[in-house]
Structures are given as C-alpha cells and as structure tokens.
Amino acid sequence: MFSRIKSLFYKIKYLYFLDRRVKIDKTAFIHHGATFIIRENTSAVIEIDSGVYIGRYANIHTNSKIKIGQNSVLSDYVFLSTLAHGMEPSAGRILSQPDIDKGEIVLGDNVFLGFSSKVLPGIELGNWTIVGAGAVVTKSFPDGFVMIAGNPAKVIKRYDINIGKWVTP
C-alpha cells in the first residue's frame, strides 16, 4: 500500500511540479530520486517520450537538449549530462567557473542503459542500442542495433536483421 502511495506521489511530482522545460509523456514511469537539472538557457529542454522507464536516482543534466526515445529504459543510477565545468587555473575555483554545454544527447527508441552507465555530451545512440552496466559512452552509435559495454564503451555485439540474432562482430 505504501509503495503505491509513494509511486503516485512521485508521478504527480514529475508530471506537474517539474520545470516546464522537462517534457514527460504521461505514459513514462519515473522512479523516486531521479534528478532533472536544466541550467539557465531558456531554450534548453529534456524530452521524455512515451513508454520510457527511468530508474531510481537517475541524473539528467543539460543546458541544451536531451531527448529520450520511446520505450527506452534507463536503469538505476544512470547519468546523462551535456555539461562540463570550466577548468582554467587562471579563472579561479573550478566551481566558480561557468558550466560549458558540450552538445545534445539523443537516445533513439528502445534504448537500454544498464545500471550506473554514463552518457557523455554530444552523444547519439540509435534505436535498439543496449548499453552494459557501468559503461561510459564517449562516442555516438547512431545506427543502433548494437550492444556496447566498457570504458570507453565499444561494440560487443550487433543485431543481424537477416538471421534475427545478436552476433559477435
């Protein structure tokens, strides 16, 4: 009973009390503890399409755009950010330096991000990209239909449409 009430509370919170620049389809499910941060850019946006599942304590930060395609799954503790801190010693403290937006993140439809995986700025993951737990995605895989893992993430399997199976490249 308590878990149902808690789930309802978070659904109301995420659908009605978030920054208007976070656009969440009503069929998306967002677990408690997920964080959405949009910096000062008024045109920045986070778009979450239909059927998306976002796990506990996911962190999504931007000053430009992050788009999450239909039926995608972001596991617990996933991190997506288009931001970086300034790191100029002559400019003073790191936290006093302005954030730098390094480019949009676009996740296609049916993308799966494993537990605690990280997606860095400027990345595009095509439809049916499967990201292993703990992976750090530092480059785009726009064609999709791949399993990637590691740090940095690289292709470990591809989906062969002709035979309908995942195969080792």
N, C-alpha and C. Protein backbone atom coordinates (compact mmCIF):
# COMPACT_ATOMS: atom_id res chain seq x y z
N MET A 1 0.82 -1.19 0.00
CA MET A 1 0.00 0.00 0.00
C MET A 1 0.87 1.26 0.00
N PHE A 2 1.86 1.29 0.91
CA PHE A 2 2.73 2.46 1.00
C PHE A 2 3.47 2.70 -0.31
N SER A 3 3.94 1.62 -0.95
CA SER A 3 4.68 1.79 -2.21
C SER A 3 3.79 2.37 -3.30
N ARG A 4 2.50 2.04 -3.30
CA ARG A 4 1.57 2.62 -4.28
C ARG A 4 1.39 4.11 -4.05
N ILE A 5 1.25 4.50 -2.79
CA ILE A 5 1.10 5.92 -2.46
C ILE A 5 2.36 6.68 -2.84
N LYS A 6 3.51 6.11 -2.52
CA LYS A 6 4.79 6.73 -2.85
C LYS A 6 4.93 6.88 -4.37
N SER A 7 4.57 5.85 -5.11
CA SER A 7 4.64 5.89 -6.57
C SER A 7 3.72 6.97 -7.12
N LEU A 8 2.51 7.09 -6.58
CA LEU A 8 1.57 8.12 -7.01
C LEU A 8 2.12 9.51 -6.71
N PHE A 9 2.71 9.68 -5.53
CA PHE A 9 3.31 10.97 -5.16
C PHE A 9 4.36 11.39 -6.18
N TYR A 10 5.26 10.48 -6.54
CA TYR A 10 6.32 10.82 -7.48
C TYR A 10 5.77 11.07 -8.88
N LYS A 11 4.75 10.34 -9.29
CA LYS A 11 4.14 10.57 -10.60
C LYS A 11 3.58 11.99 -10.66
N ILE A 12 2.88 12.41 -9.60
CA ILE A 12 2.34 13.77 -9.54
C ILE A 12 3.48 14.78 -9.54
N LYS A 13 4.51 14.52 -8.75
CA LYS A 13 5.65 15.43 -8.68
C LYS A 13 6.29 15.62 -10.05
N TYR A 14 6.58 14.52 -10.74
CA TYR A 14 7.29 14.62 -12.01
C TYR A 14 6.41 15.16 -13.13
N LEU A 15 5.11 14.90 -13.10
CA LEU A 15 4.24 15.37 -14.18
C LEU A 15 3.80 16.82 -14.00
N TYR A 16 3.71 17.31 -12.75
CA TYR A 16 3.11 18.62 -12.54
C TYR A 16 4.00 19.66 -11.88
N PHE A 17 5.07 19.25 -11.23
CA PHE A 17 5.84 20.23 -10.48
C PHE A 17 7.28 20.42 -10.96
N LEU A 18 7.65 19.76 -12.03
CA LEU A 18 8.98 19.97 -12.60
C LEU A 18 9.01 21.23 -13.44
N ASP A 19 10.21 21.70 -13.69
CA ASP A 19 10.42 22.79 -14.63
C ASP A 19 9.68 22.47 -15.93
N ARG A 20 9.00 23.44 -16.50
CA ARG A 20 8.22 23.23 -17.73
C ARG A 20 9.09 22.82 -18.91
N ARG A 21 10.39 23.00 -18.80
CA ARG A 21 11.29 22.59 -19.89
C ARG A 21 11.58 21.09 -19.86
N VAL A 22 11.12 20.41 -18.82
CA VAL A 22 11.21 18.94 -18.76
C VAL A 22 9.86 18.42 -19.25
N LYS A 23 9.85 17.85 -20.44
CA LYS A 23 8.61 17.40 -21.07
C LYS A 23 8.53 15.87 -20.97
N ILE A 24 7.59 15.40 -20.16
CA ILE A 24 7.46 13.97 -19.89
C ILE A 24 6.11 13.48 -20.41
N ASP A 25 6.15 12.48 -21.27
CA ASP A 25 4.91 11.86 -21.74
C ASP A 25 4.21 11.21 -20.55
N LYS A 26 2.89 11.26 -20.56
CA LYS A 26 2.11 10.71 -19.44
C LYS A 26 2.28 9.21 -19.25
N THR A 27 2.75 8.50 -20.28
CA THR A 27 2.93 7.05 -20.15
C THR A 27 4.31 6.67 -19.64
N ALA A 28 5.18 7.66 -19.45
CA ALA A 28 6.52 7.39 -18.92
C ALA A 28 6.42 7.09 -17.43
N PHE A 29 7.35 6.27 -16.93
CA PHE A 29 7.40 5.97 -15.50
C PHE A 29 8.75 6.42 -14.97
N ILE A 30 8.73 7.23 -13.92
CA ILE A 30 9.96 7.75 -13.34
C ILE A 30 9.99 7.39 -11.87
N HIS A 31 11.02 6.62 -11.48
CA HIS A 31 11.17 6.20 -10.08
C HIS A 31 11.58 7.39 -9.22
N HIS A 32 11.41 7.22 -7.92
CA HIS A 32 11.79 8.26 -6.97
C HIS A 32 13.30 8.50 -7.01
N GLY A 33 13.68 9.72 -6.69
CA GLY A 33 15.09 10.07 -6.60
C GLY A 33 15.71 10.49 -7.91
N ALA A 34 14.98 10.39 -9.02
CA ALA A 34 15.54 10.84 -10.30
C ALA A 34 15.68 12.36 -10.26
N THR A 35 16.76 12.88 -10.84
CA THR A 35 17.04 14.30 -10.82
C THR A 35 17.13 14.84 -12.24
N PHE A 36 16.43 15.94 -12.48
CA PHE A 36 16.47 16.61 -13.78
C PHE A 36 16.95 18.03 -13.53
N ILE A 37 18.08 18.41 -14.12
CA ILE A 37 18.61 19.76 -13.94
C ILE A 37 18.77 20.41 -15.30
N ILE A 38 18.15 21.58 -15.44
CA ILE A 38 18.33 22.39 -16.65
C ILE A 38 18.89 23.72 -16.20
N ARG A 39 20.02 24.10 -16.77
CA ARG A 39 20.68 25.34 -16.38
C ARG A 39 19.93 26.55 -16.94
N GLU A 40 20.60 27.69 -16.97
CA GLU A 40 19.96 28.97 -17.26
C GLU A 40 19.45 29.17 -18.69
N ASN A 41 19.86 28.37 -19.64
CA ASN A 41 19.43 28.54 -21.03
C ASN A 41 17.91 28.31 -21.12
N THR A 42 17.18 29.35 -21.51
CA THR A 42 15.71 29.25 -21.52
C THR A 42 15.19 28.35 -22.63
N SER A 43 15.99 28.06 -23.64
CA SER A 43 15.52 27.17 -24.71
C SER A 43 15.95 25.71 -24.48
N ALA A 44 16.66 25.45 -23.40
CA ALA A 44 17.08 24.08 -23.08
C ALA A 44 15.86 23.24 -22.76
N VAL A 45 15.96 21.92 -23.07
CA VAL A 45 14.81 21.05 -22.85
C VAL A 45 15.26 19.61 -22.62
N ILE A 46 14.50 18.90 -21.81
CA ILE A 46 14.63 17.45 -21.66
C ILE A 46 13.31 16.87 -22.14
N GLU A 47 13.36 16.01 -23.17
CA GLU A 47 12.15 15.40 -23.73
C GLU A 47 12.16 13.91 -23.44
N ILE A 48 11.09 13.43 -22.81
CA ILE A 48 10.96 12.02 -22.46
C ILE A 48 9.71 11.49 -23.16
N ASP A 49 9.91 10.60 -24.13
CA ASP A 49 8.81 10.09 -24.96
C ASP A 49 7.99 9.02 -24.25
N SER A 50 7.01 8.49 -24.96
CA SER A 50 6.07 7.52 -24.40
C SER A 50 6.74 6.20 -24.05
N GLY A 51 6.24 5.59 -22.98
CA GLY A 51 6.69 4.27 -22.58
C GLY A 51 8.08 4.21 -21.97
N VAL A 52 8.70 5.36 -21.70
CA VAL A 52 10.05 5.39 -21.13
C VAL A 52 9.99 5.03 -19.64
N TYR A 53 11.01 4.30 -19.18
CA TYR A 53 11.17 3.94 -17.77
C TYR A 53 12.49 4.54 -17.30
N ILE A 54 12.44 5.31 -16.22
CA ILE A 54 13.65 5.89 -15.65
C ILE A 54 13.78 5.39 -14.22
N GLY A 55 14.90 4.73 -13.93
CA GLY A 55 15.12 4.09 -12.64
C GLY A 55 15.49 5.05 -11.53
N ARG A 56 15.67 4.46 -10.35
CA ARG A 56 16.00 5.23 -9.16
C ARG A 56 17.30 6.00 -9.33
N TYR A 57 17.28 7.22 -8.83
CA TYR A 57 18.47 8.08 -8.73
C TYR A 57 19.17 8.32 -10.07
N ALA A 58 18.42 8.27 -11.15
CA ALA A 58 18.99 8.67 -12.44
C ALA A 58 19.25 10.17 -12.39
N ASN A 59 20.33 10.62 -13.02
CA ASN A 59 20.68 12.04 -13.07
C ASN A 59 20.74 12.48 -14.52
N ILE A 60 19.96 13.50 -14.85
CA ILE A 60 19.88 14.00 -16.22
C ILE A 60 20.06 15.51 -16.17
N HIS A 61 21.17 16.01 -16.75
CA HIS A 61 21.54 17.43 -16.64
C HIS A 61 21.82 18.00 -18.03
N THR A 62 21.31 19.22 -18.29
CA THR A 62 21.58 19.84 -19.59
C THR A 62 21.47 21.36 -19.54
N ASN A 63 22.05 21.99 -20.53
CA ASN A 63 21.83 23.40 -20.82
C ASN A 63 21.51 23.53 -22.31
N SER A 64 21.22 22.39 -22.97
CA SER A 64 20.82 22.42 -24.38
C SER A 64 19.63 21.48 -24.55
N LYS A 65 19.88 20.21 -24.91
CA LYS A 65 18.77 19.29 -25.12
C LYS A 65 19.20 17.85 -24.85
N ILE A 66 18.32 17.13 -24.18
CA ILE A 66 18.44 15.68 -24.05
C ILE A 66 17.09 15.10 -24.46
N LYS A 67 17.11 14.18 -25.41
CA LYS A 67 15.88 13.53 -25.88
C LYS A 67 16.00 12.03 -25.64
N ILE A 68 14.96 11.46 -25.02
CA ILE A 68 14.92 10.03 -24.73
C ILE A 68 13.75 9.45 -25.51
N GLY A 69 14.07 8.55 -26.47
CA GLY A 69 13.07 8.00 -27.38
C GLY A 69 12.11 7.01 -26.72
N GLN A 70 11.08 6.67 -27.47
CA GLN A 70 10.01 5.79 -26.99
C GLN A 70 10.52 4.46 -26.45
N ASN A 71 9.88 4.01 -25.39
CA ASN A 71 10.10 2.68 -24.80
C ASN A 71 11.54 2.44 -24.36
N SER A 72 12.29 3.49 -24.13
CA SER A 72 13.66 3.33 -23.65
C SER A 72 13.66 3.08 -22.14
N VAL A 73 14.72 2.43 -21.66
CA VAL A 73 14.86 2.10 -20.24
C VAL A 73 16.19 2.66 -19.75
N LEU A 74 16.12 3.49 -18.72
CA LEU A 74 17.31 4.00 -18.05
C LEU A 74 17.32 3.36 -16.66
N SER A 75 18.26 2.47 -16.42
CA SER A 75 18.33 1.75 -15.14
C SER A 75 18.71 2.68 -14.00
N ASP A 76 18.74 2.14 -12.80
CA ASP A 76 19.10 2.92 -11.62
C ASP A 76 20.50 3.51 -11.75
N TYR A 77 20.66 4.72 -11.20
CA TYR A 77 21.95 5.42 -11.10
C TYR A 77 22.57 5.78 -12.46
N VAL A 78 21.78 5.84 -13.50
CA VAL A 78 22.28 6.25 -14.82
C VAL A 78 22.56 7.75 -14.79
N PHE A 79 23.56 8.19 -15.56
CA PHE A 79 23.95 9.60 -15.61
C PHE A 79 24.04 10.05 -17.06
N LEU A 80 23.29 11.10 -17.41
CA LEU A 80 23.38 11.73 -18.73
C LEU A 80 23.62 13.21 -18.51
N SER A 81 24.63 13.78 -19.15
CA SER A 81 24.88 15.20 -18.98
C SER A 81 25.51 15.78 -20.23
N THR A 82 25.02 16.95 -20.61
CA THR A 82 25.63 17.69 -21.72
C THR A 82 26.62 18.73 -21.19
N LEU A 83 26.80 18.78 -19.87
CA LEU A 83 27.59 19.84 -19.24
C LEU A 83 28.98 19.41 -18.82
N ALA A 84 29.87 20.39 -18.78
CA ALA A 84 31.21 20.23 -18.22
C ALA A 84 31.52 21.51 -17.44
N HIS A 85 32.41 21.41 -16.48
CA HIS A 85 32.85 22.59 -15.74
C HIS A 85 34.03 23.22 -16.45
N GLY A 86 34.16 24.52 -16.30
CA GLY A 86 35.38 25.17 -16.74
C GLY A 86 36.54 24.67 -15.90
N MET A 87 37.74 24.60 -16.49
CA MET A 87 38.90 24.07 -15.76
C MET A 87 40.14 24.91 -16.02
N GLU A 88 39.97 26.22 -16.04
CA GLU A 88 41.09 27.13 -16.29
C GLU A 88 41.69 27.58 -14.96
N PRO A 89 42.93 27.18 -14.66
CA PRO A 89 43.55 27.61 -13.39
C PRO A 89 43.55 29.13 -13.21
N SER A 90 43.70 29.88 -14.29
CA SER A 90 43.75 31.34 -14.18
C SER A 90 42.38 31.95 -13.89
N ALA A 91 41.31 31.16 -14.04
CA ALA A 91 39.95 31.68 -13.82
C ALA A 91 39.46 31.45 -12.39
N GLY A 92 40.29 30.90 -11.54
CA GLY A 92 39.89 30.70 -10.15
C GLY A 92 39.30 29.33 -9.88
N ARG A 93 38.55 29.25 -8.79
CA ARG A 93 37.96 27.98 -8.36
C ARG A 93 37.15 27.33 -9.48
N ILE A 94 37.24 26.01 -9.58
CA ILE A 94 36.50 25.27 -10.61
C ILE A 94 35.00 25.51 -10.48
N LEU A 95 34.47 25.44 -9.26
CA LEU A 95 33.03 25.61 -9.09
C LEU A 95 32.55 27.04 -9.32
N SER A 96 33.47 28.00 -9.39
CA SER A 96 33.11 29.38 -9.70
C SER A 96 33.07 29.63 -11.20
N GLN A 97 33.62 28.71 -11.96
CA GLN A 97 33.67 28.88 -13.42
C GLN A 97 32.34 28.45 -14.03
N PRO A 98 31.97 29.09 -15.14
CA PRO A 98 30.67 28.75 -15.75
C PRO A 98 30.67 27.33 -16.33
N ASP A 99 29.46 26.73 -16.32
CA ASP A 99 29.29 25.45 -16.99
C ASP A 99 29.44 25.65 -18.49
N ILE A 100 29.92 24.62 -19.16
CA ILE A 100 30.07 24.64 -20.61
C ILE A 100 29.20 23.52 -21.16
N ASP A 101 28.30 23.86 -22.08
CA ASP A 101 27.48 22.82 -22.70
C ASP A 101 28.25 22.25 -23.88
N LYS A 102 28.44 20.93 -23.88
CA LYS A 102 29.27 20.27 -24.89
C LYS A 102 28.47 19.58 -25.99
N GLY A 103 27.15 19.75 -26.02
CA GLY A 103 26.36 19.17 -27.10
C GLY A 103 25.22 18.27 -26.63
N GLU A 104 24.19 18.22 -27.44
CA GLU A 104 22.97 17.47 -27.14
C GLU A 104 23.21 15.97 -27.01
N ILE A 105 22.32 15.31 -26.28
CA ILE A 105 22.29 13.85 -26.19
C ILE A 105 20.96 13.40 -26.76
N VAL A 106 21.01 12.45 -27.69
CA VAL A 106 19.78 11.91 -28.29
C VAL A 106 19.81 10.39 -28.17
N LEU A 107 18.81 9.85 -27.49
CA LEU A 107 18.64 8.40 -27.39
C LEU A 107 17.47 8.01 -28.29
N GLY A 108 17.68 7.05 -29.18
CA GLY A 108 16.62 6.58 -30.06
C GLY A 108 15.57 5.79 -29.30
N ASP A 109 14.72 5.12 -30.04
CA ASP A 109 13.67 4.29 -29.44
C ASP A 109 14.25 2.96 -28.97
N ASN A 110 13.69 2.43 -27.88
CA ASN A 110 14.07 1.12 -27.34
C ASN A 110 15.54 1.02 -26.94
N VAL A 111 16.11 2.12 -26.49
CA VAL A 111 17.48 2.13 -25.99
C VAL A 111 17.44 1.64 -24.54
N PHE A 112 18.43 0.85 -24.14
CA PHE A 112 18.54 0.36 -22.77
C PHE A 112 19.88 0.81 -22.21
N LEU A 113 19.85 1.56 -21.10
CA LEU A 113 21.07 1.97 -20.41
C LEU A 113 21.17 1.16 -19.12
N GLY A 114 22.21 0.33 -19.01
CA GLY A 114 22.40 -0.52 -17.85
C GLY A 114 22.73 0.25 -16.59
N PHE A 115 22.62 -0.44 -15.46
CA PHE A 115 22.86 0.13 -14.13
C PHE A 115 24.15 0.95 -14.10
N SER A 116 24.04 2.19 -13.64
CA SER A 116 25.18 3.07 -13.41
C SER A 116 25.98 3.40 -14.66
N SER A 117 25.36 3.31 -15.83
CA SER A 117 26.08 3.70 -17.05
C SER A 117 26.07 5.22 -17.18
N LYS A 118 27.02 5.74 -17.94
CA LYS A 118 27.20 7.18 -18.12
C LYS A 118 27.18 7.50 -19.61
N VAL A 119 26.42 8.54 -19.98
CA VAL A 119 26.39 9.00 -21.37
C VAL A 119 26.90 10.44 -21.36
N LEU A 120 28.01 10.67 -22.04
CA LEU A 120 28.67 11.97 -22.04
C LEU A 120 28.09 12.88 -23.12
N PRO A 121 28.45 14.17 -23.10
CA PRO A 121 27.87 15.14 -24.02
C PRO A 121 28.09 14.81 -25.50
N GLY A 122 27.15 15.27 -26.33
CA GLY A 122 27.28 15.16 -27.78
C GLY A 122 27.06 13.77 -28.33
N ILE A 123 26.36 12.91 -27.60
CA ILE A 123 26.21 11.50 -27.99
C ILE A 123 24.84 11.26 -28.61
N GLU A 124 24.83 10.44 -29.67
CA GLU A 124 23.59 9.93 -30.25
C GLU A 124 23.65 8.41 -30.23
N LEU A 125 22.63 7.80 -29.63
CA LEU A 125 22.51 6.34 -29.63
C LEU A 125 21.27 5.99 -30.44
N GLY A 126 21.46 5.21 -31.50
CA GLY A 126 20.35 4.84 -32.38
C GLY A 126 19.41 3.85 -31.72
N ASN A 127 18.32 3.56 -32.43
CA ASN A 127 17.32 2.61 -31.94
C ASN A 127 17.97 1.29 -31.57
N TRP A 128 17.46 0.70 -30.50
CA TRP A 128 17.90 -0.62 -30.03
C TRP A 128 19.40 -0.67 -29.71
N THR A 129 19.93 0.41 -29.13
CA THR A 129 21.28 0.36 -28.59
C THR A 129 21.17 -0.10 -27.14
N ILE A 130 21.92 -1.15 -26.80
CA ILE A 130 21.92 -1.72 -25.46
C ILE A 130 23.26 -1.38 -24.82
N VAL A 131 23.24 -0.68 -23.68
CA VAL A 131 24.46 -0.23 -23.02
C VAL A 131 24.63 -1.04 -21.74
N GLY A 132 25.79 -1.70 -21.59
CA GLY A 132 26.07 -2.54 -20.43
C GLY A 132 26.20 -1.75 -19.14
N ALA A 133 25.99 -2.42 -18.02
CA ALA A 133 26.11 -1.80 -16.70
C ALA A 133 27.50 -1.19 -16.53
N GLY A 134 27.54 0.02 -16.00
CA GLY A 134 28.80 0.68 -15.71
C GLY A 134 29.55 1.23 -16.92
N ALA A 135 28.99 1.09 -18.10
CA ALA A 135 29.67 1.58 -19.31
C ALA A 135 29.75 3.10 -19.31
N VAL A 136 30.79 3.62 -19.96
CA VAL A 136 30.95 5.06 -20.15
C VAL A 136 30.92 5.31 -21.66
N VAL A 137 29.84 5.94 -22.12
CA VAL A 137 29.65 6.16 -23.55
C VAL A 137 30.28 7.49 -23.93
N THR A 138 31.39 7.42 -24.68
CA THR A 138 32.15 8.61 -25.06
C THR A 138 32.03 8.95 -26.54
N LYS A 139 31.37 8.07 -27.32
CA LYS A 139 31.16 8.36 -28.74
C LYS A 139 29.80 7.85 -29.16
N SER A 140 29.31 8.36 -30.28
CA SER A 140 27.98 8.02 -30.78
C SER A 140 27.95 6.68 -31.49
N PHE A 141 26.78 6.05 -31.42
CA PHE A 141 26.47 4.82 -32.16
C PHE A 141 25.11 5.05 -32.82
N PRO A 142 25.07 5.95 -33.82
CA PRO A 142 23.79 6.40 -34.38
C PRO A 142 23.01 5.35 -35.16
N ASP A 143 23.69 4.31 -35.66
CA ASP A 143 22.99 3.30 -36.45
C ASP A 143 22.17 2.35 -35.59
N GLY A 144 22.49 2.26 -34.30
CA GLY A 144 21.74 1.42 -33.39
C GLY A 144 21.92 -0.06 -33.64
N PHE A 145 21.05 -0.86 -33.04
CA PHE A 145 21.07 -2.32 -33.13
C PHE A 145 22.44 -2.89 -32.73
N VAL A 146 23.01 -2.29 -31.64
CA VAL A 146 24.30 -2.75 -31.12
C VAL A 146 24.22 -2.89 -29.61
N MET A 147 25.06 -3.80 -29.07
CA MET A 147 25.30 -3.88 -27.64
C MET A 147 26.68 -3.29 -27.42
N ILE A 148 26.77 -2.34 -26.49
CA ILE A 148 28.05 -1.72 -26.19
C ILE A 148 28.33 -1.85 -24.70
N ALA A 149 29.62 -1.92 -24.35
CA ALA A 149 29.99 -2.05 -22.94
C ALA A 149 31.42 -1.56 -22.77
N GLY A 150 31.79 -1.28 -21.53
CA GLY A 150 33.17 -0.92 -21.20
C GLY A 150 33.38 0.56 -21.01
N ASN A 151 34.65 0.90 -20.74
CA ASN A 151 35.07 2.28 -20.56
C ASN A 151 36.36 2.50 -21.33
N PRO A 152 36.28 3.17 -22.48
CA PRO A 152 35.08 3.69 -23.13
C PRO A 152 34.26 2.57 -23.77
N ALA A 153 32.97 2.82 -23.93
CA ALA A 153 32.07 1.80 -24.49
C ALA A 153 32.44 1.49 -25.93
N LYS A 154 32.42 0.20 -26.26
CA LYS A 154 32.64 -0.23 -27.65
C LYS A 154 31.69 -1.38 -27.96
N VAL A 155 31.51 -1.64 -29.24
CA VAL A 155 30.55 -2.66 -29.69
C VAL A 155 31.03 -4.04 -29.27
N ILE A 156 30.14 -4.80 -28.62
CA ILE A 156 30.44 -6.19 -28.29
C ILE A 156 29.55 -7.15 -29.08
N LYS A 157 28.39 -6.66 -29.54
CA LYS A 157 27.50 -7.47 -30.40
C LYS A 157 26.70 -6.54 -31.30
N ARG A 158 26.29 -7.09 -32.44
CA ARG A 158 25.40 -6.39 -33.37
C ARG A 158 24.20 -7.28 -33.62
N TYR A 159 23.06 -6.64 -33.88
CA TYR A 159 21.87 -7.42 -34.21
C TYR A 159 21.83 -7.61 -35.72
N ASP A 160 21.82 -8.86 -36.15
CA ASP A 160 21.75 -9.18 -37.58
C ASP A 160 20.28 -9.37 -37.95
N ILE A 161 19.75 -8.42 -38.68
CA ILE A 161 18.33 -8.45 -39.06
C ILE A 161 18.02 -9.67 -39.92
N ASN A 162 18.97 -10.10 -40.75
CA ASN A 162 18.73 -11.24 -41.66
C ASN A 162 18.48 -12.55 -40.92
N ILE A 163 19.19 -12.76 -39.81
CA ILE A 163 19.00 -14.02 -39.07
C ILE A 163 18.23 -13.82 -37.76
N GLY A 164 17.97 -12.55 -37.41
CA GLY A 164 17.19 -12.26 -36.21
C GLY A 164 17.89 -12.61 -34.92
N LYS A 165 19.23 -12.41 -34.87
CA LYS A 165 20.00 -12.74 -33.66
C LYS A 165 21.09 -11.70 -33.42
N TRP A 166 21.52 -11.63 -32.15
CA TRP A 166 22.68 -10.82 -31.80
C TRP A 166 23.92 -11.65 -32.12
N VAL A 167 24.87 -11.05 -32.83
CA VAL A 167 26.09 -11.76 -33.22
C VAL A 167 27.31 -10.95 -32.80
N THR A 168 28.40 -11.67 -32.56
CA THR A 168 29.67 -11.02 -32.23
C THR A 168 30.29 -10.51 -33.52
N PRO A 169 30.69 -9.25 -33.54
CA PRO A 169 31.26 -8.69 -34.79
C PRO A 169 32.61 -9.30 -35.14
